[in-house]
Amino acid sequence: MVLGLYAVAALVAGLLTFARLPSLWSTGAAAVAWAGAFGTGLWLARPFANGWNVVGGMFAGFVFVLTTPSCVHAATLELRGVNVYSTVINVNSNESKAAKGYTYKLADPQGHEIAGHLLETGDLLSEPRRVGDHVLVVADPDGLVDPETPGQLSGRLSWIANGLSLVGTVFMALWAARSGPGVKHAPSPTDGLRAC
């Protein structure tokens, strides 16, 4: 049952990929889905939950749910994406103390705007792309997800983290189920007679 709750939370988080929420909102929504699954699972498993299977399941489920949107995004581009030699038509930047983030609006060779944005991060010394620069991206023809460069797509470790966390979540769910109270048989009326 607990495993099913985490699977539903991961499904919700994965479907949010297509909603094109900003990164922070998407992560927050996935965290809320995980918290709902965790809270419900903890309530259902309270009679036989112990510290280790709760903490292990919580951590594995958290990684599983939070890495699912990245995997859905990558899978969509791998299955449906096409290579487009695009042109940067707009640049926005946001800077933190440690890194810069750049959001690029792109157009295809015919001048049509590509749906979504290309997101790139760099250190404080990195130079952003400029309007008019050309960049090869993998884009979904229907614009279901944001485009990415081939390097971003092939460099993802989210598949590994997602797979390992799924295995961990399954293991913790099975461990919690085995930790549950066993079935006790009611004593029969003849048990007392046998002892005499």
Protein backbone atom coordinates (compact mmCIF):
# COMPACT_ATOMS: atom_id res chain seq x y z
CA MET A 1 0.00 0.00 0.00
CA VAL A 2 2.78 2.45 0.93
CA LEU A 3 4.63 1.63 -2.28
CA GLY A 4 1.48 2.44 -4.25
CA LEU A 5 1.24 5.83 -2.54
CA TYR A 6 4.80 6.71 -3.57
CA ALA A 7 4.09 5.47 -7.12
CA VAL A 8 1.03 7.75 -7.34
CA ALA A 9 3.07 10.68 -5.99
CA ALA A 10 5.79 9.99 -8.60
CA LEU A 11 3.13 9.81 -11.33
CA VAL A 12 1.70 13.17 -10.26
CA ALA A 13 5.20 14.68 -10.17
CA GLY A 14 5.96 13.24 -13.61
CA LEU A 15 2.76 14.61 -15.13
CA LEU A 16 3.58 18.05 -13.73
CA THR A 17 6.49 18.08 -16.21
CA PHE A 18 3.98 18.82 -18.96
CA ALA A 19 2.47 21.73 -17.01
CA ARG A 20 5.64 23.76 -17.62
CA LEU A 21 5.78 25.11 -14.11
CA PRO A 22 8.88 27.10 -13.17
CA SER A 23 11.58 24.89 -11.68
CA LEU A 24 10.97 25.97 -8.10
CA TRP A 25 7.19 25.47 -8.40
CA SER A 26 7.65 22.06 -10.01
CA THR A 27 10.00 20.92 -7.23
CA GLY A 28 7.60 22.28 -4.61
CA ALA A 29 4.63 20.48 -6.16
CA ALA A 30 6.62 17.22 -6.29
CA ALA A 31 7.59 17.70 -2.61
CA VAL A 32 3.92 18.25 -1.69
CA ALA A 33 2.96 15.04 -3.55
CA TRP A 34 5.72 13.17 -1.69
CA ALA A 35 4.63 14.63 1.67
CA GLY A 36 1.06 13.50 1.03
CA ALA A 37 2.24 9.99 0.18
CA PHE A 38 4.54 9.88 3.21
CA GLY A 39 1.93 11.18 5.65
CA THR A 40 -0.76 8.81 4.41
CA GLY A 41 1.67 5.87 4.37
CA LEU A 42 2.86 6.63 7.88
CA TRP A 43 -0.72 6.74 9.13
CA LEU A 44 -1.57 3.43 7.41
CA ALA A 45 1.62 1.70 8.60
CA ARG A 46 1.61 3.08 12.17
CA PRO A 47 0.95 -0.27 13.89
CA PHE A 48 4.15 -1.87 12.57
CA ALA A 49 6.37 1.03 11.46
CA ASN A 50 9.73 1.26 13.20
CA GLY A 51 12.36 3.97 12.92
CA TRP A 52 14.55 2.42 10.25
CA ASN A 53 11.94 1.39 7.73
CA VAL A 54 10.18 4.75 8.12
CA VAL A 55 13.37 6.77 7.63
CA GLY A 56 14.61 4.54 4.80
CA GLY A 57 11.28 4.57 3.02
CA MET A 58 10.95 8.32 3.51
CA PHE A 59 14.38 9.03 1.98
CA ALA A 60 14.07 6.54 -0.90
CA GLY A 61 10.54 7.72 -1.70
CA PHE A 62 11.66 11.35 -1.62
CA VAL A 63 14.44 10.75 -4.16
CA PHE A 64 12.11 8.61 -6.29
CA VAL A 65 9.40 11.28 -6.46
CA LEU A 66 11.78 14.23 -6.99
CA THR A 67 13.78 12.57 -9.79
CA THR A 68 10.73 11.36 -11.73
CA PRO A 69 9.99 14.72 -13.46
CA SER A 70 13.55 14.89 -14.77
CA CYS A 71 13.25 11.33 -16.11
CA VAL A 72 9.89 12.08 -17.77
CA HIS A 73 11.39 15.18 -19.41
CA ALA A 74 14.40 13.22 -20.69
CA ALA A 75 12.27 10.30 -21.89
CA THR A 76 9.95 12.64 -23.79
CA LEU A 77 12.88 14.23 -25.62
CA GLU A 78 14.57 10.87 -26.28
CA LEU A 79 11.39 9.33 -27.70
CA ARG A 80 9.90 12.31 -29.55
CA GLY A 81 12.61 14.94 -29.81
CA VAL A 82 14.19 16.16 -33.03
CA ASN A 83 17.49 17.98 -33.46
CA VAL A 84 16.98 21.63 -34.34
CA TYR A 85 19.73 24.08 -35.26
CA SER A 86 18.15 27.02 -33.45
CA THR A 87 18.87 30.73 -33.04
CA VAL A 88 18.74 32.58 -29.73
CA ILE A 89 16.10 35.33 -29.93
CA ASN A 90 15.92 36.38 -26.26
CA VAL A 91 18.13 36.01 -23.16
CA ASN A 92 17.18 36.35 -19.49
CA SER A 93 19.55 35.80 -16.60
CA ASN A 94 19.15 35.23 -12.89
CA GLU A 95 22.14 35.29 -10.59
CA SER A 96 22.80 33.82 -7.17
CA LYS A 97 25.93 34.01 -5.01
CA ALA A 98 27.44 30.87 -6.53
CA ALA A 99 26.06 30.59 -10.07
CA LYS A 100 24.26 32.24 -12.92
CA GLY A 101 21.23 30.83 -14.68
CA TYR A 102 20.26 31.69 -18.23
CA THR A 103 16.92 31.26 -19.93
CA TYR A 104 16.95 31.39 -23.73
CA LYS A 105 14.03 31.77 -26.09
CA LEU A 106 14.84 30.05 -29.39
CA ALA A 107 13.63 30.06 -32.98
CA ASP A 108 13.97 27.29 -35.57
CA PRO A 109 15.71 27.84 -38.95
CA GLN A 110 12.41 29.01 -40.50
CA GLY A 111 12.08 31.71 -37.81
CA HIS A 112 9.27 30.01 -35.87
CA GLU A 113 9.54 30.28 -32.10
CA ILE A 114 10.36 26.97 -30.39
CA ALA A 115 7.96 26.23 -27.52
CA GLY A 116 9.51 26.44 -24.09
CA HIS A 117 12.88 27.75 -22.99
CA LEU A 118 16.42 26.45 -22.98
CA LEU A 119 17.79 26.64 -19.43
CA GLU A 120 21.52 26.68 -18.74
CA THR A 121 23.54 27.35 -15.62
CA GLY A 122 27.14 28.37 -15.25
CA ASP A 123 29.61 29.81 -12.80
CA LEU A 124 29.88 33.55 -12.22
CA LEU A 125 32.60 33.88 -14.86
CA SER A 126 30.76 32.09 -17.65
CA GLU A 127 29.50 34.10 -20.59
CA PRO A 128 25.89 33.68 -21.69
CA ARG A 129 24.84 33.03 -25.24
CA ARG A 130 23.85 36.18 -27.09
CA VAL A 131 20.88 37.01 -29.29
CA GLY A 132 21.70 35.69 -32.75
CA ASP A 133 23.92 32.83 -31.51
CA HIS A 134 23.17 29.41 -32.94
CA VAL A 135 22.70 26.37 -30.73
CA LEU A 136 21.82 22.76 -31.50
CA VAL A 137 18.94 21.59 -29.32
CA VAL A 138 16.67 18.58 -29.02
CA ALA A 139 13.08 19.85 -29.09
CA ASP A 140 9.71 18.16 -28.91
CA PRO A 141 7.73 18.89 -32.13
CA ASP A 142 4.54 19.52 -30.14
CA GLY A 143 6.28 21.53 -27.44
CA LEU A 144 5.34 19.18 -24.60
CA VAL A 145 8.59 19.87 -22.74
CA ASP A 146 11.37 22.45 -22.84
CA PRO A 147 14.21 21.91 -25.32
CA GLU A 148 17.67 20.85 -24.16
CA THR A 149 21.09 20.62 -25.72
CA PRO A 150 22.28 17.09 -26.60
CA GLY A 151 24.90 17.44 -23.85
CA GLN A 152 22.27 18.20 -21.22
CA LEU A 153 20.18 15.25 -22.35
CA SER A 154 23.02 12.71 -22.35
CA GLY A 155 24.56 13.99 -19.12
CA ARG A 156 21.60 13.22 -16.87
CA LEU A 157 22.17 11.01 -13.87
CA SER A 158 18.50 11.15 -12.89
CA TRP A 159 17.81 7.72 -14.43
CA ILE A 160 20.34 6.11 -12.08
CA ALA A 161 19.05 8.00 -9.03
CA ASN A 162 15.44 7.24 -9.98
CA GLY A 163 16.08 3.53 -10.50
CA LEU A 164 18.07 3.12 -7.28
CA SER A 165 15.50 5.04 -5.27
CA LEU A 166 12.69 2.91 -6.72
CA VAL A 167 14.55 -0.25 -5.65
CA GLY A 168 15.12 1.31 -2.21
CA THR A 169 11.45 2.26 -1.89
CA VAL A 170 10.35 -1.28 -2.83
CA PHE A 171 12.83 -2.77 -0.33
CA MET A 172 11.66 -0.51 2.49
CA ALA A 173 8.00 -1.22 1.72
CA LEU A 174 8.67 -4.98 1.82
CA TRP A 175 10.68 -4.61 5.02
CA ALA A 176 7.84 -2.67 6.64
CA ALA A 177 5.35 -5.32 5.50
CA ARG A 178 7.50 -8.13 6.98
CA SER A 179 7.83 -6.16 10.22
CA GLY A 180 4.09 -6.20 10.64
CA PRO A 181 2.37 -8.17 13.33
CA GLY A 182 2.01 -11.82 12.46
CA VAL A 183 -1.28 -13.61 12.37
CA LYS A 184 -2.04 -15.15 15.76
CA HIS A 185 -4.37 -18.06 16.05
CA ALA A 186 -6.96 -18.01 18.79
CA PRO A 187 -6.52 -20.89 21.25
CA SER A 188 -8.96 -23.71 20.72
CA PRO A 189 -10.99 -25.08 23.63
CA THR A 190 -9.15 -28.41 23.42
CA ASP A 191 -5.68 -26.84 23.95
CA GLY A 192 -6.25 -26.73 27.72
CA LEU A 193 -7.35 -30.40 27.81
CA ARG A 194 -4.19 -31.56 26.02
CA ALA A 195 -2.01 -30.02 28.71
CA CYS A 196 -3.68 -32.16 31.41
